[in-house]
């Protein structure tokens, strides 16, 4: 069975663009994505503010982590919430991803619309309405696989109550993983005895099936120094210990899943958990931000970032912002036309990188000595020194934190070469947030 509905993904090219798509100018409205791309538009034909993706950067990052996972004996279920872009999910699945991870029922609905066949929901699902819909999806498609998390017996009771009142005898069980947490973390059972009680409750339930353990080490670690890395490893050892103690409760024919691994500590996950794969488990990373990487948070902390902590090629920033200078109200201060509605700001301000002057045959220059100091809703503050900017100049800026970048754009142009003077648009990626 294919991992996704290729026809549904391909049909994204038949959708018309319109005034709803802020990345495209009015001259493109009413045309399909395929018709727009057939003309090979250039960046200069698009308005600012704008966020773009790099075709070569996306390809490099997807291939790099796929290769890394194979080399280290782990599998990948990239977190689809990062992009909420079925076309990018398809790219990841084509590169060998085992599943797509999501965070809630709405996101699962998007995945099912595009035929994603295996989904991990890295969260508890206790809404009776969502549980009933998932039951219907499982009944309608025997090849569909989905698992959810539970970190308390109460969560298990609520799932069992909602499902037993709805599904009949012979219905497919809902796969559930025990979520293991840690003190100071987010969700997850805080001690082994609680986790084991949750596992026993799942195993005892008539409409549920215990399929493994999961957790998120990113909520435990807060840095990449050795002390923080050891804290992460200790948490992962606890996760493995819970898995070992739950083994008698797994179905005899089941390959249990042991899952952890965001985009910050995936090398630690492989270091501690990869051995579980040799003992009959499936070790699954859920890294999501790697596909675009960034010029801020993940450049600093990724194991394949600017200071690599593991083998393999470095990831590259495959998303950029483009802005236009609209005002110079004070010496050394320029205002540009993008703000918090356009670019992420929760981790770092955008990073000025290149200037694209709006004069004929002008040279693209490095944005040396420039700093973004603030963003309002629709304005950005740029301080500059020896390298001046004038009203009308365009800048490329690096962005930090993909998870709060993609959600601001319903349609994202993909360019062939973000370093070129006037890049060619080679794709348009639709997101669903």
Protein backbone atom coordinates (compact mmCIF):
# COMPACT_ATOMS: atom_id res chain seq x y z
CA UNK A 1 0.00 0.00 0.00
CA UNK A 2 1.47 3.44 -0.92
CA UNK A 3 2.45 5.62 2.02
CA UNK A 4 0.24 8.47 0.76
CA UNK A 5 -2.19 9.37 -2.02
CA UNK A 6 0.11 10.55 -4.81
CA UNK A 7 -2.84 11.69 -6.96
CA UNK A 8 -4.17 13.91 -4.17
CA UNK A 9 -0.74 15.47 -3.65
CA UNK A 10 -0.31 15.99 -7.41
CA UNK A 11 -3.73 17.65 -7.55
CA UNK A 12 -2.40 20.49 -5.40
CA UNK A 13 -0.94 21.83 -8.66
CA UNK A 14 -4.48 22.17 -10.06
CA UNK A 15 -5.65 24.52 -7.31
CA UNK A 16 -6.23 28.12 -8.30
CA UNK A 17 -4.31 30.85 -6.53
CA UNK A 18 -6.16 33.94 -5.39
CA UNK A 19 -6.25 36.95 -3.12
CA UNK A 20 -6.02 34.52 -0.21
CA UNK A 21 -2.38 33.82 -1.12
CA UNK A 22 -0.33 36.76 0.13
CA UNK A 23 2.84 35.39 -1.49
CA UNK A 24 1.49 36.07 -5.00
CA UNK A 25 0.59 39.32 -6.79
CA UNK A 26 -2.84 40.06 -8.33
CA UNK A 27 -1.53 39.28 -11.81
CA UNK A 28 -1.32 35.60 -10.84
CA UNK A 29 -4.78 35.31 -9.29
CA UNK A 30 -7.19 32.96 -11.02
CA UNK A 31 -4.44 30.78 -12.45
CA UNK A 32 -3.59 27.31 -11.21
CA UNK A 33 -0.34 26.55 -9.44
CA UNK A 34 0.78 24.61 -12.51
CA UNK A 35 0.01 27.55 -14.81
CA UNK A 36 1.95 29.95 -12.60
CA UNK A 37 4.98 27.66 -12.49
CA UNK A 38 4.92 27.05 -16.25
CA UNK A 39 6.03 30.65 -16.77
CA UNK A 40 9.00 30.18 -14.41
CA UNK A 41 8.37 33.43 -12.52
CA UNK A 42 11.23 35.13 -10.76
CA UNK A 43 11.48 36.45 -7.25
CA UNK A 44 11.34 40.03 -8.56
CA UNK A 45 7.78 39.34 -9.75
CA UNK A 46 6.58 38.59 -6.21
CA UNK A 47 5.59 41.11 -3.53
CA UNK A 48 7.23 41.65 -0.19
CA UNK A 49 7.04 40.63 2.55
CA UNK A 50 7.68 37.07 1.45
CA UNK A 51 8.92 33.77 2.77
CA UNK A 52 10.56 31.32 0.38
CA UNK A 53 11.97 27.83 0.55
CA UNK A 54 15.08 26.59 -1.22
CA UNK A 55 14.58 23.57 -3.50
CA UNK A 56 18.18 22.44 -3.17
CA UNK A 57 18.19 23.06 0.58
CA UNK A 58 15.06 20.99 1.18
CA UNK A 59 16.45 18.14 -0.92
CA UNK A 60 19.78 18.26 0.88
CA UNK A 61 18.21 18.22 4.34
CA UNK A 62 15.75 15.42 3.61
CA UNK A 63 18.45 13.22 2.10
CA UNK A 64 20.95 14.07 4.83
CA UNK A 65 18.75 12.97 7.73
CA UNK A 66 17.45 9.92 5.85
CA UNK A 67 21.04 8.79 5.33
CA UNK A 68 21.94 9.57 8.95
CA UNK A 69 19.02 7.51 10.30
CA UNK A 70 19.93 4.52 8.15
CA UNK A 71 23.55 4.71 9.27
CA UNK A 72 22.56 4.87 12.95
CA UNK A 73 19.93 2.12 12.91
CA UNK A 74 16.87 4.25 13.65
CA UNK A 75 13.75 5.15 11.68
CA UNK A 76 12.15 8.53 11.12
CA UNK A 77 8.57 9.72 11.52
CA UNK A 78 9.11 13.45 10.92
CA UNK A 79 6.81 15.78 12.82
CA UNK A 80 4.44 17.08 10.18
CA UNK A 81 3.22 19.95 12.36
CA UNK A 82 6.38 21.84 11.42
CA UNK A 83 5.27 22.38 7.83
CA UNK A 84 1.67 21.09 7.59
CA UNK A 85 2.49 20.66 3.91
CA UNK A 86 1.40 17.34 2.35
CA UNK A 87 3.80 17.85 -0.57
CA UNK A 88 6.71 18.03 1.87
CA UNK A 89 5.40 15.07 3.84
CA UNK A 90 5.38 13.13 0.56
CA UNK A 91 8.97 14.16 -0.07
CA UNK A 92 9.96 12.82 3.36
CA UNK A 93 8.05 9.57 2.88
CA UNK A 94 9.60 9.07 -0.55
CA UNK A 95 13.00 9.39 1.13
CA UNK A 96 12.18 6.49 3.44
CA UNK A 97 10.35 8.02 6.41
CA UNK A 98 8.43 5.29 8.26
CA UNK A 99 5.48 7.50 9.24
CA UNK A 100 4.40 11.10 9.74
CA UNK A 101 4.03 12.45 13.27
CA UNK A 102 1.23 14.90 14.07
CA UNK A 103 -0.08 16.62 17.18
CA UNK A 104 -3.90 16.59 17.10
CA UNK A 105 -7.10 15.54 15.37
CA UNK A 106 -7.22 18.45 12.95
CA UNK A 107 -3.74 17.65 11.66
CA UNK A 108 -4.72 14.00 11.33
CA UNK A 109 -7.66 15.14 9.18
CA UNK A 110 -5.26 16.87 6.81
CA UNK A 111 -3.12 13.74 6.66
CA UNK A 112 -6.10 11.52 5.86
CA UNK A 113 -7.22 13.92 3.11
CA UNK A 114 -3.89 13.17 1.42
CA UNK A 115 -3.92 9.46 2.14
CA UNK A 116 -1.14 9.32 4.73
CA UNK A 117 -1.25 5.69 5.82
CA UNK A 118 0.80 5.64 9.02
CA UNK A 119 0.58 8.41 11.63
CA UNK A 120 1.93 8.87 15.13
CA UNK A 121 -0.05 11.40 17.17
CA UNK A 122 2.43 12.68 19.73
CA UNK A 123 -0.32 13.60 22.14
CA UNK A 124 -3.25 12.23 24.06
CA UNK A 125 -6.59 12.15 22.21
CA UNK A 126 -9.51 12.11 24.65
CA UNK A 127 -12.24 13.97 22.74
CA UNK A 128 -15.07 11.46 22.13
CA UNK A 129 -15.79 13.11 18.78
CA UNK A 130 -12.21 12.69 17.60
CA UNK A 131 -11.98 9.14 18.94
CA UNK A 132 -15.16 8.19 17.08
CA UNK A 133 -13.87 9.70 13.84
CA UNK A 134 -10.58 7.82 14.21
CA UNK A 135 -12.56 4.62 14.80
CA UNK A 136 -14.46 5.25 11.57
CA UNK A 137 -11.19 5.83 9.68
CA UNK A 138 -9.74 2.59 11.03
CA UNK A 139 -12.87 0.69 10.02
CA UNK A 140 -12.99 2.20 6.54
CA UNK A 141 -9.32 1.64 5.68
CA UNK A 142 -7.74 -1.62 6.92
CA UNK A 143 -4.26 -0.39 5.90
CA UNK A 144 -4.46 2.83 7.95
CA UNK A 145 -2.32 2.83 11.10
CA UNK A 146 -2.45 5.43 13.87
CA UNK A 147 -1.16 5.53 17.43
CA UNK A 148 -1.78 8.00 20.25
CA UNK A 149 -0.17 8.64 23.63
CA UNK A 150 -1.31 8.29 27.22
CA UNK A 151 0.45 9.37 30.41
CA UNK A 152 -2.19 8.56 33.03
CA UNK A 153 -4.68 5.84 33.84
CA UNK A 154 -7.42 8.48 33.66
CA UNK A 155 -6.52 9.17 30.03
CA UNK A 156 -6.82 5.46 29.26
CA UNK A 157 -10.19 5.28 31.01
CA UNK A 158 -11.55 8.20 28.98
CA UNK A 159 -10.41 6.64 25.69
CA UNK A 160 -11.85 3.26 26.60
CA UNK A 161 -15.14 4.80 27.72
CA UNK A 162 -15.59 6.80 24.51
CA UNK A 163 -14.60 3.93 22.22
CA UNK A 164 -16.49 1.12 23.97
CA UNK A 165 -19.71 3.16 23.70
CA UNK A 166 -19.18 3.55 19.93
CA UNK A 167 -17.33 0.64 18.35
CA UNK A 168 -18.75 -2.85 18.16
CA UNK A 169 -17.21 -6.29 18.57
CA UNK A 170 -14.44 -6.97 16.10
CA UNK A 171 -13.58 -3.30 15.61
CA UNK A 172 -9.90 -2.53 15.19
CA UNK A 173 -8.26 -1.46 18.45
CA UNK A 174 -6.67 1.94 18.83
CA UNK A 175 -2.90 1.71 19.24
CA UNK A 176 -1.63 3.55 22.31
CA UNK A 177 1.89 4.32 23.51
CA UNK A 178 2.84 5.05 27.11
CA UNK A 179 4.27 8.54 27.32
CA UNK A 180 7.20 8.86 29.69
CA UNK A 181 8.09 12.34 30.96
CA UNK A 182 10.45 13.81 33.47
CA UNK A 183 10.48 16.36 36.27
CA UNK A 184 10.27 19.86 34.86
CA UNK A 185 9.24 18.54 31.47
CA UNK A 186 5.94 18.77 29.66
CA UNK A 187 3.48 15.86 29.60
CA UNK A 188 4.44 12.27 30.34
CA UNK A 189 4.35 9.96 33.36
CA UNK A 190 6.78 11.34 35.92
CA UNK A 191 7.92 8.00 37.34
CA UNK A 192 8.25 4.41 36.22
CA UNK A 193 5.47 3.08 38.44
CA UNK A 194 2.96 5.51 36.93
CA UNK A 195 4.11 4.59 33.43
CA UNK A 196 3.75 0.88 34.17
CA UNK A 197 0.25 1.43 35.56
CA UNK A 198 -0.69 3.26 32.36
CA UNK A 199 0.70 0.41 30.29
CA UNK A 200 -1.27 -2.15 32.30
CA UNK A 201 -4.48 -0.11 31.88
CA UNK A 202 -3.97 0.01 28.11
CA UNK A 203 -3.33 -3.72 27.96
CA UNK A 204 -6.46 -4.42 30.03
CA UNK A 205 -8.72 -2.19 27.90
CA UNK A 206 -11.00 -3.95 25.43
CA UNK A 207 -10.70 -1.38 22.62
CA UNK A 208 -7.05 -0.34 22.97
CA UNK A 209 -3.70 -1.98 22.20
CA UNK A 210 -0.37 -1.25 23.89
CA UNK A 211 2.23 -0.72 21.14
CA UNK A 212 5.22 0.94 22.80
CA UNK A 213 6.66 3.87 24.71
CA UNK A 214 7.38 7.43 23.68
CA UNK A 215 8.59 10.73 25.04
CA UNK A 216 10.09 14.07 24.15
CA UNK A 217 13.58 14.75 25.41
CA UNK A 218 13.44 18.34 24.13
CA UNK A 219 11.29 19.20 27.15
CA UNK A 220 14.04 17.87 29.44
CA UNK A 221 17.21 19.37 27.99
CA UNK A 222 17.81 23.12 27.88
CA UNK A 223 21.21 23.36 26.25
CA UNK A 224 23.90 21.44 24.42
CA UNK A 225 26.67 21.46 27.01
CA UNK A 226 27.73 18.10 28.41
CA UNK A 227 25.68 18.48 31.60
CA UNK A 228 22.49 19.03 29.60
CA UNK A 229 23.33 16.20 27.22
CA UNK A 230 23.80 13.82 30.14
CA UNK A 231 20.42 14.93 31.55
CA UNK A 232 18.86 14.02 28.20
CA UNK A 233 20.63 10.65 28.13
CA UNK A 234 19.47 9.86 31.67
CA UNK A 235 15.89 10.56 30.62
CA UNK A 236 16.28 8.32 27.57
CA UNK A 237 17.65 5.51 29.74
CA UNK A 238 14.54 5.81 31.91
CA UNK A 239 12.39 5.60 28.78
CA UNK A 240 14.19 2.43 27.71
CA UNK A 241 13.77 0.95 31.18
CA UNK A 242 10.00 1.45 31.04
CA UNK A 243 9.93 -0.26 27.66
CA UNK A 244 11.81 -3.25 29.04
CA UNK A 245 9.41 -3.60 31.96
CA UNK A 246 6.38 -3.38 29.65
CA UNK A 247 7.54 -6.17 27.35
CA UNK A 248 5.35 -8.87 28.92
CA UNK A 249 2.27 -6.76 28.07
CA UNK A 250 2.94 -6.43 24.35
CA UNK A 251 1.18 -8.77 21.91
CA UNK A 252 3.45 -11.63 20.94
CA UNK A 253 3.42 -10.74 17.23
CA UNK A 254 3.97 -7.00 17.79
CA UNK A 255 7.09 -5.03 16.95
CA UNK A 256 6.91 -2.40 19.72
CA UNK A 257 7.83 1.21 19.00
CA UNK A 258 10.28 3.16 21.14
CA UNK A 259 10.08 6.78 20.05
CA UNK A 260 11.80 10.02 21.01
CA UNK A 261 13.92 12.55 19.19
CA UNK A 262 13.09 16.09 18.18
CA UNK A 263 15.44 18.19 16.08
CA UNK A 264 17.80 19.17 18.91
CA UNK A 265 18.98 15.91 20.45
CA UNK A 266 18.41 13.19 17.88
CA UNK A 267 22.03 12.01 18.11
CA UNK A 268 21.57 11.39 21.83
CA UNK A 269 18.43 9.37 21.10
CA UNK A 270 20.33 7.15 18.68
CA UNK A 271 23.22 6.83 21.12
CA UNK A 272 20.97 5.57 23.94
CA UNK A 273 18.08 3.86 22.17
CA UNK A 274 19.40 2.43 18.91
CA UNK A 275 20.37 -0.78 20.73
CA UNK A 276 16.66 -1.44 21.31
CA UNK A 277 16.28 -2.07 17.58
CA UNK A 278 18.62 -5.04 17.93
CA UNK A 279 16.33 -6.44 20.62
CA UNK A 280 13.17 -6.48 18.55
CA UNK A 281 11.88 -2.90 18.89
CA UNK A 282 11.43 -0.20 16.27
CA UNK A 283 13.29 2.96 17.32
CA UNK A 284 11.66 6.01 15.75
CA UNK A 285 12.83 9.62 15.71
CA UNK A 286 10.25 12.39 15.25
CA UNK A 287 12.49 15.27 14.13
CA UNK A 288 10.57 17.83 12.09
CA UNK A 289 12.41 21.14 11.88
CA UNK A 290 15.37 19.60 10.06
CA UNK A 291 13.61 19.79 6.68
CA UNK A 292 14.09 23.55 6.44
CA UNK A 293 16.61 23.94 9.28
CA UNK A 294 17.09 27.68 10.00
CA UNK A 295 19.43 30.61 10.58
CA UNK A 296 18.89 30.80 14.33
CA UNK A 297 17.73 28.28 16.91
CA UNK A 298 18.47 25.07 15.00
CA UNK A 299 21.63 26.41 13.44
CA UNK A 300 22.87 26.71 17.03
CA UNK A 301 21.50 23.52 18.60
CA UNK A 302 21.03 20.89 15.90
CA UNK A 303 23.43 17.94 16.04
CA UNK A 304 24.06 18.72 12.36
CA UNK A 305 24.12 22.49 12.80
CA UNK A 306 26.99 24.98 12.82
CA UNK A 307 28.73 23.04 15.60
CA UNK A 308 28.08 19.37 14.67
CA UNK A 309 27.89 16.79 17.44
CA UNK A 310 27.61 13.78 15.16
CA UNK A 311 28.81 12.45 11.83
CA UNK A 312 27.17 13.39 8.54
CA UNK A 313 26.70 16.43 6.38
CA UNK A 314 25.55 19.65 8.00
CA UNK A 315 21.99 20.78 7.46
CA UNK A 316 21.46 24.04 5.57
CA UNK A 317 18.97 26.85 6.01
CA UNK A 318 16.27 26.27 3.41
CA UNK A 319 13.87 29.07 4.36
CA UNK A 320 14.35 32.82 3.97
CA UNK A 321 12.41 36.03 4.32
CA UNK A 322 12.40 38.91 1.85
CA UNK A 323 11.56 42.48 2.86
CA UNK A 324 11.53 45.94 1.33
CA UNK A 325 12.74 49.17 2.98
CA UNK A 326 9.79 51.55 3.18
CA UNK A 327 10.99 54.32 5.50
CA UNK A 328 14.16 55.94 6.89
CA UNK A 329 12.80 58.13 9.67
CA UNK A 330 16.11 58.57 11.55
CA UNK A 331 19.82 58.30 10.77
CA UNK A 332 20.89 54.69 10.91
CA UNK A 333 17.30 53.39 11.17
CA UNK A 334 15.23 51.88 8.40
CA UNK A 335 11.76 50.40 8.57
CA UNK A 336 10.81 47.43 6.41
CA UNK A 337 7.47 45.98 5.39
CA UNK A 338 7.38 42.74 7.41
CA UNK A 339 6.47 42.03 11.00
CA UNK A 340 5.26 39.43 13.45
CA UNK A 341 2.39 38.47 11.15
CA UNK A 342 4.95 37.42 8.53
CA UNK A 343 8.04 35.99 10.23
CA UNK A 344 8.83 34.04 13.42
CA UNK A 345 10.00 36.04 16.42
CA UNK A 346 9.67 33.67 19.37
CA UNK A 347 13.33 32.57 19.28
CA UNK A 348 15.32 35.25 17.41
CA UNK A 349 14.75 38.32 15.29
CA UNK A 350 15.29 37.87 11.54
CA UNK A 351 18.94 38.04 10.48
CA UNK A 352 19.85 40.44 7.62
CA UNK A 353 21.87 38.57 5.00
CA UNK A 354 21.74 40.13 1.52
CA UNK A 355 20.74 43.44 -0.06
CA UNK A 356 19.04 43.41 -3.45
CA UNK A 357 19.05 47.04 -4.64
CA UNK A 358 16.19 48.10 -6.93
CA UNK A 359 18.45 49.60 -9.57
CA UNK A 360 19.36 48.16 -12.95
CA UNK A 361 22.28 45.69 -12.92
CA UNK A 362 23.01 46.48 -9.27
CA UNK A 363 25.13 44.00 -7.37
CA UNK A 364 23.71 41.83 -4.60
CA UNK A 365 25.65 42.77 -1.48
CA UNK A 366 26.09 41.22 1.96
CA UNK A 367 24.03 42.99 4.62
CA UNK A 368 27.11 43.74 6.72
CA UNK A 369 26.62 45.57 10.01
CA UNK A 370 22.82 45.41 9.90
CA UNK A 371 20.65 44.24 12.75
CA UNK A 372 16.92 43.75 13.16
CA UNK A 373 16.05 45.06 16.60
CA UNK A 374 12.26 44.70 16.74
CA UNK A 375 9.14 43.65 14.87
CA UNK A 376 5.67 45.16 15.14
CA UNK A 377 2.65 43.50 13.56
CA UNK A 378 3.55 44.63 10.03
CA UNK A 379 6.79 46.63 10.43
CA UNK A 380 10.38 45.69 11.15
CA UNK A 381 13.17 47.86 12.60
CA UNK A 382 16.57 47.66 10.89
CA UNK A 383 19.63 49.42 12.28
CA UNK A 384 22.53 49.84 9.88
CA UNK A 385 26.01 51.34 9.90
CA UNK A 386 28.61 51.76 7.17
CA UNK A 387 26.64 49.83 4.54
CA UNK A 388 23.61 52.02 3.82
CA UNK A 389 20.17 51.08 2.58
CA UNK A 390 17.69 53.34 0.80
CA UNK A 391 13.93 53.25 0.48
CA UNK A 392 13.07 50.61 -2.11
CA UNK A 393 15.97 48.27 -1.38
CA UNK A 394 15.13 44.64 -0.75
CA UNK A 395 16.79 42.45 1.85
CA UNK A 396 16.96 38.73 2.35
CA UNK A 397 16.75 37.77 6.01
CA UNK A 398 17.46 34.50 7.75
CA UNK A 399 14.67 33.14 9.95
CA UNK A 400 14.70 31.25 13.23
CA UNK A 401 12.33 28.44 14.25
CA UNK A 402 10.51 26.72 11.37
CA UNK A 403 7.48 25.76 13.48
CA UNK A 404 6.45 29.41 13.79
CA UNK A 405 7.47 30.34 10.24
CA UNK A 406 5.43 27.96 8.07
CA UNK A 407 2.18 28.71 9.91
CA UNK A 408 2.20 32.30 8.65
CA UNK A 409 2.07 31.34 4.97
CA UNK A 410 -0.66 29.38 3.19
CA UNK A 411 1.33 29.17 -0.02
CA UNK A 412 5.12 29.29 -0.04
CA UNK A 413 7.24 29.82 -3.17
CA UNK A 414 10.18 27.47 -3.61
CA UNK A 415 13.17 29.00 -5.42
CA UNK A 416 16.01 27.36 -7.27
CA UNK A 417 18.84 29.42 -5.76
CA UNK A 418 18.23 31.79 -2.84
CA UNK A 419 21.69 33.32 -3.37
CA UNK A 420 20.99 34.37 -6.98
CA UNK A 421 20.30 37.97 -7.95
CA UNK A 422 16.79 37.03 -9.10
CA UNK A 423 15.92 33.42 -8.19
CA UNK A 424 13.47 31.37 -10.26
CA UNK A 425 10.32 30.07 -8.57
CA UNK A 426 10.20 26.32 -9.21
CA UNK A 427 7.35 25.26 -6.92
CA UNK A 428 4.56 26.55 -4.69
CA UNK A 429 4.00 24.62 -1.45
CA UNK A 430 0.52 24.68 0.09
CA UNK A 431 0.23 24.51 3.89
CA UNK A 432 -2.80 23.74 6.05
CA UNK A 433 -2.90 25.41 9.48
